[in-house]
């Protein structure tokens, strides 16, 4: 076992991405630019509601300290915005220090977080303050493949009470990923098993099973496959008897078109229709 494990929040990422990404539920347009600033502009059009997001970031190196640095400014429909600054290798190689100030709902939230990644270990910590102070920490042990274990916890400093915690174990190979995790909260506990694998001829399969102890388990499965050159299709089914389709087409240049539809067989209607156009 060797290498750096993913952060605990990234355990099971391949299955989550396959089950969730490229299923838009609105009309979205996204424009990306990398130079001289990294700029991402997105619009969302839903029935009765529209919004937009603008994110600008710049990566550079502080000349005097030789520290990789990234500054980000994000705005969402003037209702929410944040300023984010990140430093890498500030004290110890493999560390990241991040400060974010977010304005939402007429109040500011300040968050200071750290990340440390070295051989066989990945650790994060964060302190967030917005009237109340909360602390979060996570730890992952293992390599970049093979067995990985980890956990995460949230603590409300004012009440000195744990608000949520999670533990998980994963096995990761180049073409295979499985995760078992448990999340413990004040209202209920959620137990999750997820699976991802690469199939022959460029296909990918993912599944997820959730149980919260209050009723029947819920499940999702998804399959992704290349339909033609620059065209990828996805299909997803869940235990609520909903079936979703998605087709991602890479057009001329760096333009990507995604069309998705979800059918709700229990309600006997088309639950969602989405179109996304991305300019990279």
Protein backbone atom coordinates (compact mmCIF):
# COMPACT_ATOMS: atom_id res chain seq x y z
CA UNK A 1 0.00 0.00 0.00
CA UNK A 2 1.43 3.36 -1.00
CA UNK A 3 0.43 6.77 -2.28
CA UNK A 4 -1.86 9.48 -0.95
CA UNK A 5 -5.49 8.57 -0.20
CA UNK A 6 -8.34 10.85 -1.27
CA UNK A 7 -9.97 13.14 1.24
CA UNK A 8 -12.70 11.40 3.19
CA UNK A 9 -15.40 13.46 1.41
CA UNK A 10 -14.14 11.99 -1.90
CA UNK A 11 -14.63 8.34 -0.89
CA UNK A 12 -17.05 6.83 -3.43
CA UNK A 13 -16.74 9.80 -5.79
CA UNK A 14 -16.82 7.76 -9.02
CA UNK A 15 -20.16 6.16 -8.18
CA UNK A 16 -21.66 9.49 -6.99
CA UNK A 17 -20.58 11.26 -10.17
CA UNK A 18 -22.00 8.55 -12.43
CA UNK A 19 -25.30 8.55 -10.50
CA UNK A 20 -25.68 12.34 -10.32
CA UNK A 21 -23.72 14.24 -12.98
CA UNK A 22 -25.15 15.15 -16.40
CA UNK A 23 -28.77 14.96 -15.29
CA UNK A 24 -29.74 18.66 -15.43
CA UNK A 25 -33.28 19.61 -14.31
CA UNK A 26 -33.38 23.05 -15.95
CA UNK A 27 -32.03 24.99 -18.91
CA UNK A 28 -28.41 25.83 -18.11
CA UNK A 29 -25.75 27.77 -20.00
CA UNK A 30 -22.18 27.70 -18.74
CA UNK A 31 -19.23 29.64 -20.14
CA UNK A 32 -15.67 28.91 -19.02
CA UNK A 33 -12.46 30.84 -19.62
CA UNK A 34 -9.00 29.99 -18.29
CA UNK A 35 -6.83 33.00 -19.16
CA UNK A 36 -5.93 35.59 -17.93
CA UNK A 37 -8.40 34.78 -15.15
CA UNK A 38 -10.29 31.56 -14.68
CA UNK A 39 -13.90 32.66 -15.16
CA UNK A 40 -17.03 30.51 -14.96
CA UNK A 41 -20.44 32.02 -15.74
CA UNK A 42 -23.62 29.94 -15.41
CA UNK A 43 -27.33 30.64 -15.83
CA UNK A 44 -30.22 28.47 -14.64
CA UNK A 45 -33.72 28.77 -16.06
CA UNK A 46 -36.51 26.90 -14.26
CA UNK A 47 -40.29 27.42 -14.43
CA UNK A 48 -41.02 30.51 -12.36
CA UNK A 49 -37.40 31.05 -11.39
CA UNK A 50 -34.08 32.02 -12.92
CA UNK A 51 -30.67 32.68 -11.45
CA UNK A 52 -27.04 33.06 -12.41
CA UNK A 53 -23.59 32.44 -10.96
CA UNK A 54 -20.24 34.07 -11.67
CA UNK A 55 -16.96 32.73 -10.33
CA UNK A 56 -13.56 34.32 -10.99
CA UNK A 57 -10.31 32.83 -9.74
CA UNK A 58 -6.60 33.32 -10.27
CA UNK A 59 -3.75 30.99 -9.39
CA UNK A 60 -0.30 32.49 -8.85
CA UNK A 61 2.82 32.15 -6.72
CA UNK A 62 3.76 34.64 -4.01
CA UNK A 63 7.22 35.82 -5.16
CA UNK A 64 8.77 36.36 -1.73
CA UNK A 65 7.55 33.08 -0.19
CA UNK A 66 7.29 30.90 -3.32
CA UNK A 67 3.83 29.71 -2.20
CA UNK A 68 1.20 28.50 -4.68
CA UNK A 69 -1.87 30.68 -4.07
CA UNK A 70 -5.41 30.86 -5.41
CA UNK A 71 -7.94 33.67 -4.95
CA UNK A 72 -11.61 33.16 -5.86
CA UNK A 73 -14.59 35.55 -5.93
CA UNK A 74 -18.05 34.01 -6.36
CA UNK A 75 -21.42 35.74 -6.82
CA UNK A 76 -24.87 34.18 -7.02
CA UNK A 77 -27.72 36.47 -8.13
CA UNK A 78 -26.54 39.14 -5.64
CA UNK A 79 -28.13 37.03 -2.88
CA UNK A 80 -24.98 35.10 -2.01
CA UNK A 81 -21.31 35.76 -2.62
CA UNK A 82 -18.00 34.71 -1.15
CA UNK A 83 -14.32 35.59 -1.21
CA UNK A 84 -11.90 32.71 -0.94
CA UNK A 85 -8.10 32.66 -0.57
CA UNK A 86 -5.95 29.51 -0.51
CA UNK A 87 -2.26 28.93 0.23
CA UNK A 88 -0.41 25.67 -0.44
CA UNK A 89 2.66 24.36 1.42
CA UNK A 90 2.56 27.30 3.82
CA UNK A 91 4.07 25.52 6.82
CA UNK A 92 4.59 21.87 5.82
CA UNK A 93 4.74 20.32 2.31
CA UNK A 94 1.36 18.81 1.47
CA UNK A 95 -0.71 21.38 3.39
CA UNK A 96 -3.38 23.80 2.21
CA UNK A 97 -4.76 26.71 4.21
CA UNK A 98 -8.00 28.29 3.11
CA UNK A 99 -10.03 31.29 4.29
CA UNK A 100 -13.55 31.94 2.98
CA UNK A 101 -15.96 34.76 3.84
CA UNK A 102 -19.54 34.14 2.63
CA UNK A 103 -22.48 36.54 2.59
CA UNK A 104 -25.92 34.91 2.57
CA UNK A 105 -29.28 35.85 4.03
CA UNK A 106 -28.06 39.22 5.27
CA UNK A 107 -25.21 37.78 7.36
CA UNK A 108 -21.56 36.84 6.93
CA UNK A 109 -20.05 33.44 7.64
CA UNK A 110 -16.27 33.13 8.01
CA UNK A 111 -14.61 29.76 7.57
CA UNK A 112 -10.97 28.79 8.07
CA UNK A 113 -9.96 25.33 6.88
CA UNK A 114 -6.79 23.27 6.52
CA UNK A 115 -5.88 20.24 4.46
CA UNK A 116 -2.91 17.92 4.86
CA UNK A 117 -2.11 15.13 2.37
CA UNK A 118 0.94 12.91 2.60
CA UNK A 119 1.77 9.26 2.00
CA UNK A 120 -1.00 7.06 3.51
CA UNK A 121 -2.86 9.94 5.26
CA UNK A 122 -5.23 12.79 4.36
CA UNK A 123 -6.58 15.13 7.05
CA UNK A 124 -8.87 18.15 6.99
CA UNK A 125 -10.13 20.55 9.65
CA UNK A 126 -12.39 23.59 9.53
CA UNK A 127 -13.83 26.24 11.85
CA UNK A 128 -16.92 28.15 10.69
CA UNK A 129 -18.45 31.11 12.51
CA UNK A 130 -21.74 32.89 11.73
CA UNK A 131 -23.17 33.75 15.12
CA UNK A 132 -22.59 30.12 16.11
CA UNK A 133 -19.26 28.34 15.83
CA UNK A 134 -18.93 24.88 14.32
CA UNK A 135 -15.86 22.68 13.98
CA UNK A 136 -15.36 19.91 11.41
CA UNK A 137 -12.53 17.40 11.01
CA UNK A 138 -11.95 14.38 8.79
CA UNK A 139 -9.26 11.71 8.49
CA UNK A 140 -8.53 9.20 5.72
CA UNK A 141 -5.94 6.41 5.92
CA UNK A 142 -4.68 4.17 3.12
CA UNK A 143 -3.08 4.53 -0.28
CA UNK A 144 -4.32 5.72 -3.63
CA UNK A 145 -5.57 2.17 -4.25
CA UNK A 146 -6.47 -0.82 -2.12
CA UNK A 147 -8.20 -0.47 1.24
CA UNK A 148 -9.05 3.00 2.57
CA UNK A 149 -10.74 3.90 5.87
CA UNK A 150 -11.81 7.24 7.26
CA UNK A 151 -14.23 9.29 9.26
CA UNK A 152 -15.62 12.80 9.74
CA UNK A 153 -17.20 14.68 12.61
CA UNK A 154 -19.01 17.98 13.22
CA UNK A 155 -19.12 19.72 16.60
CA UNK A 156 -21.23 22.70 17.68
CA UNK A 157 -18.85 24.63 19.93
CA UNK A 158 -21.56 26.65 21.69
CA UNK A 159 -23.45 23.56 22.88
CA UNK A 160 -20.42 21.23 22.91
CA UNK A 161 -22.55 18.65 21.10
CA UNK A 162 -21.70 16.54 18.05
CA UNK A 163 -24.15 17.45 15.28
CA UNK A 164 -23.14 14.75 12.80
CA UNK A 165 -20.48 12.13 12.26
CA UNK A 166 -19.59 9.59 9.62
CA UNK A 167 -17.28 6.60 9.16
CA UNK A 168 -16.52 4.67 6.01
CA UNK A 169 -14.35 1.99 4.44
CA UNK A 170 -13.55 1.63 0.75
CA UNK A 171 -11.68 -0.63 -1.61
CA UNK A 172 -10.39 1.03 -4.77
CA UNK A 173 -8.78 -0.45 -7.86
CA UNK A 174 -8.23 1.01 -11.32
CA UNK A 175 -11.50 -0.45 -12.62
CA UNK A 176 -13.37 -1.04 -9.38
CA UNK A 177 -14.58 0.91 -6.35
CA UNK A 178 -16.77 -0.09 -3.42
CA UNK A 179 -17.71 1.97 -0.34
CA UNK A 180 -19.53 1.17 2.90
CA UNK A 181 -20.34 4.17 5.09
CA UNK A 182 -22.52 5.18 8.03
CA UNK A 183 -23.63 8.72 8.83
CA UNK A 184 -24.93 9.43 12.32
CA UNK A 185 -27.15 12.47 12.84
CA UNK A 186 -29.42 13.91 15.50
CA UNK A 187 -32.61 12.75 13.72
CA UNK A 188 -31.53 9.51 12.05
CA UNK A 189 -28.62 7.36 10.93
CA UNK A 190 -28.00 6.66 7.24
CA UNK A 191 -26.16 3.56 6.04
CA UNK A 192 -24.84 3.57 2.47
CA UNK A 193 -23.25 1.01 0.18
CA UNK A 194 -22.04 2.15 -3.23
CA UNK A 195 -20.30 0.38 -6.09
CA UNK A 196 -18.62 1.49 -9.34
CA UNK A 197 -16.90 -0.56 -12.02
CA UNK A 198 -15.57 -0.13 -15.53
CA UNK A 199 -17.14 -2.59 -17.97
CA UNK A 200 -15.88 -3.83 -21.35
CA UNK A 201 -16.11 -1.57 -24.41
CA UNK A 202 -15.81 1.65 -22.42
CA UNK A 203 -18.97 1.32 -20.34
CA UNK A 204 -19.25 2.24 -16.65
CA UNK A 205 -21.75 1.00 -14.06
CA UNK A 206 -22.62 2.38 -10.60
CA UNK A 207 -25.11 1.48 -7.89
CA UNK A 208 -26.04 2.87 -4.48
CA UNK A 209 -28.14 1.54 -1.60
CA UNK A 210 -29.27 3.77 1.31
CA UNK A 211 -31.09 2.82 4.52
CA UNK A 212 -32.09 5.26 7.27
CA UNK A 213 -33.85 2.81 9.58
CA UNK A 214 -37.29 4.38 9.12
CA UNK A 215 -38.61 2.48 6.11
CA UNK A 216 -37.61 0.54 3.04
CA UNK A 217 -34.09 1.04 1.67
CA UNK A 218 -33.71 3.28 -1.39
CA UNK A 219 -31.55 2.32 -4.34
CA UNK A 220 -30.17 3.80 -7.55
CA UNK A 221 -28.33 2.22 -10.48
CA UNK A 222 -26.77 3.90 -13.52
CA UNK A 223 -25.06 2.81 -16.72
CA UNK A 224 -22.88 4.99 -18.97
CA UNK A 225 -21.69 4.08 -22.46
CA UNK A 226 -20.31 5.78 -25.56
CA UNK A 227 -23.04 5.81 -28.21
CA UNK A 228 -20.85 7.22 -30.99
CA UNK A 229 -17.79 9.38 -31.39
CA UNK A 230 -18.14 12.39 -29.00
CA UNK A 231 -21.57 11.17 -27.81
CA UNK A 232 -22.06 9.52 -24.40
CA UNK A 233 -25.35 8.17 -23.08
CA UNK A 234 -26.42 7.54 -19.49
CA UNK A 235 -29.46 5.83 -18.01
CA UNK A 236 -30.45 5.81 -14.32
CA UNK A 237 -33.20 4.05 -12.37
CA UNK A 238 -34.14 4.44 -8.71
CA UNK A 239 -36.37 2.53 -6.32
CA UNK A 240 -39.02 5.29 -6.48
CA UNK A 241 -39.69 3.96 -9.99
CA UNK A 242 -38.10 6.91 -11.78
CA UNK A 243 -36.11 6.43 -14.97
CA UNK A 244 -33.72 9.11 -16.26
CA UNK A 245 -31.89 9.42 -19.58
CA UNK A 246 -28.99 11.69 -20.45
CA UNK A 247 -27.05 12.28 -23.68
CA UNK A 248 -23.83 14.31 -23.64
CA UNK A 249 -22.54 15.50 -27.03
CA UNK A 250 -19.21 17.23 -27.62
CA UNK A 251 -19.81 19.65 -30.47
CA UNK A 252 -17.32 21.59 -32.57
CA UNK A 253 -14.56 23.21 -30.57
CA UNK A 254 -15.02 23.06 -26.82
CA UNK A 255 -18.84 23.13 -26.74
CA UNK A 256 -20.70 20.42 -24.82
CA UNK A 257 -24.46 19.84 -25.06
CA UNK A 258 -26.32 17.76 -22.45
CA UNK A 259 -29.98 16.77 -22.80
CA UNK A 260 -31.72 14.85 -19.99
CA UNK A 261 -35.21 13.65 -19.10
CA UNK A 262 -36.64 11.90 -16.07
CA UNK A 263 -39.84 9.83 -16.16
CA UNK A 264 -41.81 9.23 -12.97
CA UNK A 265 -43.80 6.03 -13.53
CA UNK A 266 -45.60 6.20 -10.17
CA UNK A 267 -46.90 9.70 -10.91
CA UNK A 268 -47.30 8.84 -14.61
CA UNK A 269 -45.61 12.00 -15.86
CA UNK A 270 -42.36 13.54 -17.04
CA UNK A 271 -40.81 14.68 -13.76
CA UNK A 272 -37.89 16.69 -15.13
CA UNK A 273 -36.46 17.88 -18.43
CA UNK A 274 -33.08 19.58 -18.64
CA UNK A 275 -30.74 21.05 -21.23
CA UNK A 276 -27.19 22.19 -20.50
CA UNK A 277 -24.81 23.97 -22.88
CA UNK A 278 -21.20 24.36 -21.76
CA UNK A 279 -18.53 26.47 -23.48
CA UNK A 280 -15.08 25.45 -22.23
